[in-house]
Protein backbone atom coordinates (compact mmCIF):
# COMPACT_ATOMS: atom_id res chain seq x y z
CA UNK A 1 0.06 -0.08 -0.01
CA UNK A 2 3.18 2.28 0.49
CA UNK A 3 3.77 2.04 -3.30
CA UNK A 4 0.18 2.22 -4.24
CA UNK A 5 -0.75 5.43 -2.23
CA UNK A 6 2.51 6.94 -3.27
CA UNK A 7 2.14 6.31 -7.11
CA UNK A 8 -1.68 6.65 -7.30
CA UNK A 9 -1.36 10.27 -8.35
CA UNK A 10 -0.01 8.96 -11.67
CA UNK A 11 -3.08 6.76 -12.10
CA UNK A 12 -5.42 9.52 -11.14
CA UNK A 13 -3.92 11.93 -13.52
CA UNK A 14 -4.99 9.93 -16.60
CA UNK A 15 -8.49 9.23 -15.22
CA UNK A 16 -9.43 12.94 -15.10
CA UNK A 17 -7.63 14.63 -12.12
CA UNK A 18 -5.91 17.24 -14.31
CA UNK A 19 -9.13 18.45 -15.87
CA UNK A 20 -11.16 18.41 -12.45
CA UNK A 21 -8.51 20.25 -10.61
CA UNK A 22 -7.66 22.51 -13.51
CA UNK A 23 -3.93 21.56 -13.43
CA UNK A 24 -2.04 23.40 -16.08
CA UNK A 25 1.62 23.58 -17.19
CA UNK A 26 3.80 21.63 -14.77
CA UNK A 27 1.49 21.77 -11.84
CA UNK A 28 1.19 17.95 -11.65
CA UNK A 29 4.89 17.83 -11.69
CA UNK A 30 5.03 20.22 -8.75
CA UNK A 31 2.38 18.13 -6.91
CA UNK A 32 4.43 15.03 -7.56
CA UNK A 33 7.52 16.84 -6.37
CA UNK A 34 6.30 18.06 -3.19
CA UNK A 35 6.06 14.57 -1.77
CA UNK A 36 9.86 14.29 -2.30
CA UNK A 37 10.43 17.66 -0.48
CA UNK A 38 8.77 16.37 2.79
CA UNK A 39 10.34 12.96 2.35
CA UNK A 40 13.84 14.24 2.00
CA UNK A 41 13.62 17.09 4.60
CA UNK A 42 12.16 14.63 7.36
CA UNK A 43 14.01 11.56 6.40
CA UNK A 44 16.86 11.60 9.13
CA UNK A 45 14.59 13.03 12.03
CA UNK A 46 11.86 10.38 11.18
CA UNK A 47 14.28 7.48 11.43
CA UNK A 48 15.92 8.63 14.62
CA UNK A 49 12.48 8.93 16.08
CA UNK A 50 11.82 5.37 14.77
CA UNK A 51 15.18 4.18 16.33
CA UNK A 52 14.12 5.71 19.74
CA UNK A 53 10.36 4.75 19.78
CA UNK A 54 10.72 1.21 18.25
CA UNK A 55 9.15 -0.64 15.40
CA UNK A 56 5.39 -0.10 16.54
CA UNK A 57 5.86 3.50 15.32
CA UNK A 58 5.64 2.16 11.84
CA UNK A 59 1.95 1.57 12.38
CA UNK A 60 1.35 5.15 13.39
CA UNK A 61 3.09 6.35 10.28
CA UNK A 62 0.79 4.14 8.13
CA UNK A 63 -2.30 5.55 9.82
CA UNK A 64 -1.14 9.19 9.52
CA UNK A 65 -0.09 9.10 5.82
CA UNK A 66 -3.42 7.32 4.87
CA UNK A 67 -5.22 10.34 6.13
CA UNK A 68 -3.29 12.58 3.74
CA UNK A 69 -4.09 10.10 0.73
CA UNK A 70 -7.80 10.39 1.47
CA UNK A 71 -7.39 14.23 1.67
CA UNK A 72 -5.94 14.04 -1.96
CA UNK A 73 -9.20 12.45 -3.04
CA UNK A 74 -11.46 15.05 -1.30
CA UNK A 75 -9.27 18.17 -2.32
CA UNK A 76 -10.97 20.67 -4.71
CA UNK A 77 -8.15 22.74 -5.70
CA UNK A 78 -4.34 22.54 -6.75
CA UNK A 79 -3.12 23.94 -3.32
CA UNK A 80 -4.94 21.04 -1.45
CA UNK A 81 -3.40 18.47 -3.56
CA UNK A 82 0.16 19.84 -3.21
CA UNK A 83 -0.36 20.28 0.55
CA UNK A 84 -1.45 16.65 0.94
CA UNK A 85 1.39 15.46 -1.06
CA UNK A 86 3.85 17.33 1.21
CA UNK A 87 2.32 15.97 4.31
CA UNK A 88 2.39 12.38 2.77
CA UNK A 89 6.08 12.66 2.16
CA UNK A 90 6.80 13.89 5.85
CA UNK A 91 4.83 10.81 7.23
CA UNK A 92 6.29 8.35 4.90
CA UNK A 93 9.69 9.24 5.43
CA UNK A 94 10.58 6.97 8.19
CA UNK A 95 8.85 3.88 7.01
CA UNK A 96 11.10 2.40 4.31
CA UNK A 97 14.42 2.95 6.23
CA UNK A 98 12.73 1.96 9.41
CA UNK A 99 11.69 -1.37 7.81
CA UNK A 100 15.03 -1.96 6.34
CA UNK A 101 16.60 -1.46 9.78
CA UNK A 102 14.26 -3.79 11.47
CA UNK A 103 14.88 -6.55 8.76
CA UNK A 104 18.60 -6.05 8.90
CA UNK A 105 18.56 -6.40 12.80
CA UNK A 106 17.51 -9.96 12.66
CA UNK A 107 19.99 -11.20 9.83
CA UNK A 108 23.73 -11.32 9.29
CA UNK A 109 25.21 -9.10 6.66
CA UNK A 110 25.43 -12.08 4.12
CA UNK A 111 21.61 -12.76 4.66
CA UNK A 112 20.26 -9.33 4.61
CA UNK A 113 19.95 -8.49 0.96
CA UNK A 114 17.52 -11.43 0.01
CA UNK A 115 15.31 -10.52 2.88
CA UNK A 116 15.18 -6.82 2.22
CA UNK A 117 14.61 -7.60 -1.51
CA UNK A 118 11.43 -9.55 -0.60
CA UNK A 119 10.20 -6.52 1.26
CA UNK A 120 11.28 -4.24 -1.57
CA UNK A 121 9.65 -6.49 -4.27
CA UNK A 122 6.42 -6.20 -2.54
CA UNK A 123 6.42 -2.41 -3.58
CA UNK A 124 7.43 -3.62 -7.09
CA UNK A 125 4.67 -6.12 -7.15
CA UNK A 126 2.25 -3.42 -5.71
CA UNK A 127 3.24 -1.35 -8.89
CA UNK A 128 2.21 -4.20 -11.00
CA UNK A 129 -1.36 -4.34 -9.57
CA UNK A 130 -1.78 -0.61 -8.57
CA UNK A 131 -2.65 0.02 -12.26
CA UNK A 132 -5.18 -2.75 -12.35
CA UNK A 133 -6.55 -1.76 -8.93
CA UNK A 134 -6.80 1.94 -9.94
CA UNK A 135 -8.59 0.98 -13.15
CA UNK A 136 -11.04 -1.08 -11.20
CA UNK A 137 -11.79 1.70 -8.55
CA UNK A 138 -12.15 4.16 -11.22
CA UNK A 139 -15.34 2.37 -12.41
CA UNK A 140 -16.91 3.78 -9.31
CA UNK A 141 -17.10 7.15 -11.16
CA UNK A 142 -20.06 9.07 -10.05
CA UNK A 143 -20.81 7.12 -6.84
CA UNK A 144 -21.54 9.46 -4.12
CA UNK A 145 -20.94 12.33 -6.40
CA UNK A 146 -17.18 11.66 -6.45
CA UNK A 147 -15.20 11.15 -9.72
CA UNK A 148 -13.46 7.89 -10.21
CA UNK A 149 -10.11 9.44 -9.73
CA UNK A 150 -11.14 10.49 -6.38
CA UNK A 151 -12.11 7.05 -5.36
CA UNK A 152 -8.67 5.71 -6.27
CA UNK A 153 -7.28 7.99 -3.31
CA UNK A 154 -10.23 7.37 -1.06
CA UNK A 155 -10.28 3.53 -1.32
CA UNK A 156 -6.53 3.19 -0.98
CA UNK A 157 -6.31 5.41 1.98
CA UNK A 158 -9.05 3.40 3.71
CA UNK A 159 -7.26 0.09 2.96
CA UNK A 160 -4.03 1.58 4.48
CA UNK A 161 -5.91 2.76 7.64
CA UNK A 162 -7.13 -0.85 8.16
CA UNK A 163 -3.72 -2.40 7.60
CA UNK A 164 -2.19 0.21 9.90
CA UNK A 165 -4.45 -1.17 12.90
CA UNK A 166 -3.55 -4.77 11.74
CA UNK A 167 0.01 -4.11 11.75
CA UNK A 168 0.17 -3.30 15.31
CA UNK A 169 -0.09 -7.04 16.05
CA UNK A 170 2.14 -8.13 13.21
CA UNK A 171 5.21 -5.89 13.51
CA UNK A 172 7.92 -7.42 15.72
CA UNK A 173 10.12 -5.55 18.17
CA UNK A 174 13.94 -5.46 17.88
CA UNK A 175 15.70 -8.65 18.60
CA UNK A 176 16.98 -7.50 22.06
CA UNK A 177 13.25 -7.05 23.06
CA UNK A 178 11.76 -9.95 21.22
CA UNK A 179 9.47 -12.36 23.18
CA UNK A 180 8.60 -14.67 20.22
CA UNK A 181 11.62 -17.05 20.76
CA UNK A 182 12.47 -19.38 23.47
CA UNK A 183 15.36 -18.13 25.85
CA UNK A 184 17.79 -20.61 24.02
CA UNK A 185 16.70 -19.41 20.58
CA UNK A 186 16.81 -15.85 21.36
CA UNK A 187 20.56 -16.46 22.71
CA UNK A 188 21.35 -18.21 19.44
CA UNK A 189 20.01 -15.13 17.54
CA UNK A 190 21.79 -12.51 19.54
CA UNK A 191 24.89 -14.51 19.26
CA UNK A 192 24.80 -14.73 15.60
CA UNK A 193 24.26 -10.93 15.19
CA UNK A 194 27.24 -10.34 17.51
CA UNK A 195 29.46 -12.66 15.75
CA UNK A 196 28.50 -10.79 12.29
CA UNK A 197 30.51 -7.70 13.49
CA UNK A 198 29.85 -4.09 13.55
CA UNK A 199 27.98 -4.41 16.86
CA UNK A 200 27.74 -1.37 19.24
CA UNK A 201 27.17 -2.58 22.82
CA UNK A 202 26.15 0.87 24.40
CA UNK A 203 24.24 2.36 21.42
CA UNK A 204 22.97 6.02 22.18
CA UNK A 205 22.35 9.12 20.15
CA UNK A 206 24.38 12.33 20.74
CA UNK A 207 25.16 15.14 18.41
CA UNK A 208 28.96 14.46 18.32
CA UNK A 209 28.46 10.80 17.31
CA UNK A 210 25.71 11.69 14.87
CA UNK A 211 27.95 14.35 13.11
CA UNK A 212 30.69 11.94 12.77
CA UNK A 213 28.35 9.06 11.50
CA UNK A 214 26.68 11.48 8.92
CA UNK A 215 30.02 12.41 7.38
CA UNK A 216 31.08 8.95 6.67
CA UNK A 217 32.16 9.04 2.78
CA UNK A 218 30.68 5.51 2.23
CA UNK A 219 27.19 6.88 3.19
CA UNK A 220 27.27 9.72 0.56
CA UNK A 221 28.74 7.78 -2.20
CA UNK A 222 25.69 5.44 -1.81
CA UNK A 223 23.46 8.41 -1.86
CA UNK A 224 24.82 9.44 -5.17
CA UNK A 225 24.29 5.92 -6.54
CA UNK A 226 20.83 5.76 -5.11
CA UNK A 227 20.01 9.23 -6.51
CA UNK A 228 20.78 8.09 -10.00
CA UNK A 229 18.50 4.92 -9.67
CA UNK A 230 15.77 6.70 -7.91
CA UNK A 231 15.57 9.38 -10.69
CA UNK A 232 14.97 6.56 -13.17
CA UNK A 233 12.48 4.70 -10.82
CA UNK A 234 10.59 7.74 -10.01
CA UNK A 235 10.19 8.60 -13.69
CA UNK A 236 8.69 5.27 -14.26
CA UNK A 237 6.45 5.46 -11.12
CA UNK A 238 5.07 8.92 -12.02
CA UNK A 239 4.99 8.96 -15.90
CA UNK A 240 4.79 5.41 -17.14
CA UNK A 241 0.89 5.59 -17.44
CA UNK A 242 1.16 8.90 -19.16
CA UNK A 243 3.96 7.67 -21.62
CA UNK A 244 2.09 4.72 -22.56
CA UNK A 245 -1.29 6.58 -23.00
CA UNK A 246 0.85 8.90 -25.21
CA UNK A 247 1.85 5.96 -27.31
CA UNK A 248 -1.59 5.47 -28.41
CA UNK A 249 -3.20 3.28 -25.54
CA UNK A 250 -6.39 4.36 -23.96
CA UNK A 251 -6.40 5.22 -20.15
CA UNK A 252 -7.49 1.68 -19.39
CA UNK A 253 -4.94 -0.03 -21.64
CA UNK A 254 -2.14 2.03 -20.30
CA UNK A 255 -3.04 1.05 -16.78
CA UNK A 256 -3.24 -2.53 -17.80
CA UNK A 257 0.17 -2.38 -19.91
CA UNK A 258 2.18 -1.30 -17.00
CA UNK A 259 1.31 -4.69 -15.13
CA UNK A 260 3.83 -6.79 -17.21
CA UNK A 261 6.57 -4.27 -16.74
CA UNK A 262 6.37 -4.27 -12.96
CA UNK A 263 6.06 -8.13 -12.88
CA UNK A 264 9.31 -8.50 -14.88
CA UNK A 265 10.97 -6.03 -12.37
CA UNK A 266 9.54 -7.97 -9.49
CA UNK A 267 11.02 -11.40 -10.69
CA UNK A 268 14.45 -9.86 -12.00
CA UNK A 269 15.06 -7.99 -8.69
CA UNK A 270 14.54 -11.06 -6.60
CA UNK A 271 16.51 -13.47 -8.78
CA UNK A 272 19.55 -11.10 -9.18
CA UNK A 273 19.59 -10.15 -5.45
CA UNK A 274 19.66 -13.88 -4.51
CA UNK A 275 22.42 -14.37 -6.96
CA UNK A 276 24.36 -11.50 -5.63
CA UNK A 277 24.24 -12.56 -2.09
CA UNK A 278 24.86 -16.19 -3.01
CA UNK A 279 27.98 -15.19 -4.83
CA UNK A 280 28.95 -12.41 -2.53
CA UNK A 281 29.22 -10.00 -5.36
CA UNK A 282 27.46 -6.66 -4.96
CA UNK A 283 29.41 -4.41 -7.36
CA UNK A 284 29.04 -6.77 -10.42
CA UNK A 285 25.34 -6.98 -9.99
CA UNK A 286 25.21 -3.29 -9.35
CA UNK A 287 26.89 -2.74 -12.68
CA UNK A 288 24.59 -5.24 -14.38
CA UNK A 289 21.56 -3.23 -13.24
CA UNK A 290 23.05 0.11 -14.40
CA UNK A 291 23.76 -1.35 -17.76
CA UNK A 292 20.34 -2.90 -18.13
CA UNK A 293 18.78 0.59 -17.42
CA UNK A 294 20.99 2.25 -20.02
CA UNK A 295 19.79 -0.33 -22.62
CA UNK A 296 16.05 0.78 -21.79
CA UNK A 297 17.01 4.31 -22.03
CA UNK A 298 18.87 3.90 -25.30
CA UNK A 299 15.78 2.28 -26.80
CA UNK A 300 13.61 5.17 -25.79
CA UNK A 301 15.68 7.74 -27.38
CA UNK A 302 16.46 5.85 -30.47
CA UNK A 303 13.03 4.76 -31.45
CA UNK A 304 10.73 7.70 -30.31
CA UNK A 305 7.99 6.98 -32.91
CA UNK A 306 7.74 3.03 -32.57
CA UNK A 307 5.32 2.47 -29.55
CA UNK A 308 6.05 -1.43 -29.62
CA UNK A 309 9.96 -1.03 -29.36
CA UNK A 310 9.50 1.74 -26.77
CA UNK A 311 7.30 -0.51 -24.69
CA UNK A 312 9.99 -3.06 -24.64
CA UNK A 313 12.38 -0.33 -23.56
CA UNK A 314 10.36 0.35 -20.49
CA UNK A 315 10.85 -3.21 -19.37
CA UNK A 316 14.75 -2.47 -19.35
CA UNK A 317 14.60 0.78 -17.79
CA UNK A 318 12.28 -0.44 -14.90
CA UNK A 319 14.13 -3.80 -14.20
CA UNK A 320 17.49 -2.20 -14.03
CA UNK A 321 16.45 0.62 -11.65
CA UNK A 322 14.56 -1.76 -9.30
CA UNK A 323 17.68 -3.94 -9.05
CA UNK A 324 20.18 -1.21 -8.06
CA UNK A 325 17.92 0.24 -5.43
CA UNK A 326 17.62 -2.59 -2.91
CA UNK A 327 21.23 -3.57 -3.60
CA UNK A 328 22.68 -0.06 -2.85
CA UNK A 329 20.52 0.22 0.25
CA UNK A 330 21.94 -3.08 1.69
CA UNK A 331 25.46 -2.63 0.51
CA UNK A 332 25.68 0.60 2.32
CA UNK A 333 23.98 -0.77 5.51
CA UNK A 334 26.36 -3.75 5.95
CA UNK A 335 29.45 -1.65 5.60
CA UNK A 336 28.62 0.97 8.23
CA UNK A 337 28.20 -1.33 11.22
CA UNK A 338 24.93 -1.24 13.24
CA UNK A 339 23.01 0.75 15.78
CA UNK A 340 22.46 4.67 15.19
CA UNK A 341 25.02 4.69 12.42
CA UNK A 342 23.01 2.14 10.41
CA UNK A 343 19.88 4.10 11.12
CA UNK A 344 21.44 7.42 9.83
CA UNK A 345 22.84 5.62 6.90
CA UNK A 346 19.59 4.02 5.85
CA UNK A 347 17.85 7.41 6.26
CA UNK A 348 20.47 9.27 4.12
CA UNK A 349 20.53 6.58 1.39
CA UNK A 350 16.77 6.23 1.09
CA UNK A 351 15.47 9.60 2.06
CA UNK A 352 18.01 11.82 0.67
CA UNK A 353 18.54 9.47 -2.12
CA UNK A 354 14.94 10.35 -3.15
CA UNK A 355 16.29 13.78 -4.32
CA UNK A 356 16.47 11.99 -7.70
CA UNK A 357 12.66 12.26 -7.64
CA UNK A 358 12.94 16.15 -7.70
CA UNK A 359 14.61 15.77 -11.26
CA UNK A 360 12.37 13.18 -12.41
CA UNK A 361 9.39 15.37 -11.67
CA UNK A 362 10.62 18.22 -13.67
CA UNK A 363 12.48 16.87 -16.74
CA UNK A 364 9.41 14.95 -18.04
CA UNK A 365 7.98 18.05 -19.64
CA UNK A 366 4.24 17.96 -20.50
CA UNK A 367 4.82 19.75 -23.92
CA UNK A 368 7.25 16.81 -25.00
CA UNK A 369 4.76 14.11 -24.65
CA UNK A 370 5.12 11.36 -25.67
CA UNK A 371 8.63 11.31 -26.62
CA UNK A 372 9.88 13.03 -23.44
CA UNK A 373 13.50 13.34 -24.86
CA UNK A 374 14.67 15.61 -22.10
CA UNK A 375 13.49 13.29 -19.41
CA UNK A 376 14.83 10.24 -20.94
CA UNK A 377 18.22 12.00 -21.74
CA UNK A 378 18.50 13.20 -18.18
CA UNK A 379 17.69 9.53 -16.92
CA UNK A 380 20.79 8.41 -19.08
CA UNK A 381 22.93 10.91 -17.12
CA UNK A 382 21.72 9.96 -13.72
CA UNK A 383 22.16 6.20 -14.32
CA UNK A 384 25.81 6.86 -15.36
CA UNK A 385 26.08 8.60 -12.01
CA UNK A 386 25.02 5.47 -10.35
CA UNK A 387 27.61 3.46 -12.43
CA UNK A 388 30.49 5.85 -11.43
CA UNK A 389 29.45 5.92 -7.77
CA UNK A 390 29.25 2.17 -7.55
CA UNK A 391 32.70 1.93 -8.97
CA UNK A 392 34.10 4.57 -6.58
CA UNK A 393 32.42 2.65 -3.66
CA UNK A 394 33.90 -0.57 -4.65
CA UNK A 395 37.45 0.69 -5.04
CA UNK A 396 37.29 2.56 -2.00
CA UNK A 397 36.29 -0.35 -0.03
CA UNK A 398 38.97 -2.67 -1.41
CA UNK A 399 41.39 0.07 -0.54
CA UNK A 400 40.20 0.29 2.95
CA UNK A 401 40.29 -3.46 3.50
CA UNK A 402 43.99 -3.72 2.24
CA UNK A 403 44.98 -0.98 4.91
CA UNK A 404 43.01 -2.82 7.60
CA UNK A 405 44.73 -5.98 6.91
CA UNK A 406 48.06 -4.20 7.24
CA UNK A 407 47.22 -2.55 10.70
CA UNK A 408 45.56 -5.83 11.87
CA UNK A 409 48.83 -7.53 11.44
CA UNK A 410 50.63 -5.24 13.96
CA UNK A 411 47.99 -5.98 16.86
CA UNK A 412 47.76 -9.09 19.04
CA UNK A 413 46.12 -12.12 17.63
CA UNK A 414 43.62 -12.19 20.33
CA UNK A 415 42.03 -8.72 21.07
CA UNK A 416 40.69 -7.53 24.37
CA UNK A 417 36.97 -7.09 23.10
CA UNK A 418 36.17 -4.58 25.95
CA UNK A 419 38.37 -2.00 24.30
CA UNK A 420 36.37 -2.31 21.17
CA UNK A 421 32.86 -3.01 22.44
CA UNK A 422 31.53 0.34 20.82
CA UNK A 423 33.73 0.42 17.74
CA UNK A 424 31.10 -0.82 15.29
CA UNK A 425 32.57 -0.60 11.86
CA UNK A 426 35.81 0.54 13.19
CA UNK A 427 36.71 -2.87 14.94
CA UNK A 428 40.16 -4.15 13.81
CA UNK A 429 38.34 -7.40 12.55
CA UNK A 430 35.67 -5.60 10.67
CA UNK A 431 35.92 -5.94 6.88
CA UNK A 432 34.05 -4.34 4.20
CA UNK A 433 31.68 -6.37 1.92
CA UNK A 434 32.31 -6.03 -1.76
């Protein structure tokens, strides 16, 4: 529902929202972009609150953003739509990074990616059925005096409210406070996590440690990589129905034709994430995802007047972007240790990384439909940013591991672990995952 409620503005657009709210020029782009403004601005604070208050706060986030989604279905003017999108961005800012942190807290670094990708692929799968769901809901046009596009927001918001109450009973606590295991099983779980490395025994938040954590070069290289992928993914999320409609499909056909694109992205993301973790190769699969996206963009630019070929290009563009994003998140998380530093890292990569959506919301110019040459050309530049960032990250980690091996050789074979109990990723035995 997170993906559905975030992307339903694209479905509502081609179901008559533009005409009813009298959107003109790039006002749709502005409304789409305001979600990202709130998301980026409140990403880090929201995740620090999550870490402090615990996983149950995710249910509160769901309930509150669902209210703003319903508001989008009830608004009567452009200003109301923009305000609701901004508030939705604020209230969603802590959810995905919070879920990522919670998932990662139960698994070792070589087990994290598969699990996170299952969660991430749920959002991709939601994209596949969001078009179909929006099409079915839009058939309620006229019921209660509301247009079909309004019902898209209202129904999806109400579903999210119901799920928010159910999730209170489903969401697990952090491992240290878990009660779903026997004492013996819980001891094994905590021992596995500690053995994985990067542990912080006395984890607490203060401004000095926060400043040190947020300035780690690894985080910001991953932010750049995520920005490039997010710019491409956001363009697919926000403009794919409009692009397909511009190629000659009706509104309903455009919605339905998005389903296979999302389905392929779902399958490819999970398969290649599993292979990446099985082979312990993040960089090679990140590069592969970038090249797949570049292939799709080249098709879109080379064949602007052939709808069938361009439809094929959308498969490549979407599949590549949705492989890069979960891989980048986990690759960063497993290389910054645990505790508040991982919280900050996930918030930066996912929330600040959403700055790519700023660009996506402004380069797909309405007057250029359906070719959107500026948009696809910009996408190509941003996916190249991802490719370069991944390479810098990989080379930097290799260099750091080599230096750590040299320093470790000068230390005793058996270390006094009390000295290093709060060292996290600075522990002499901690090695970066490539």
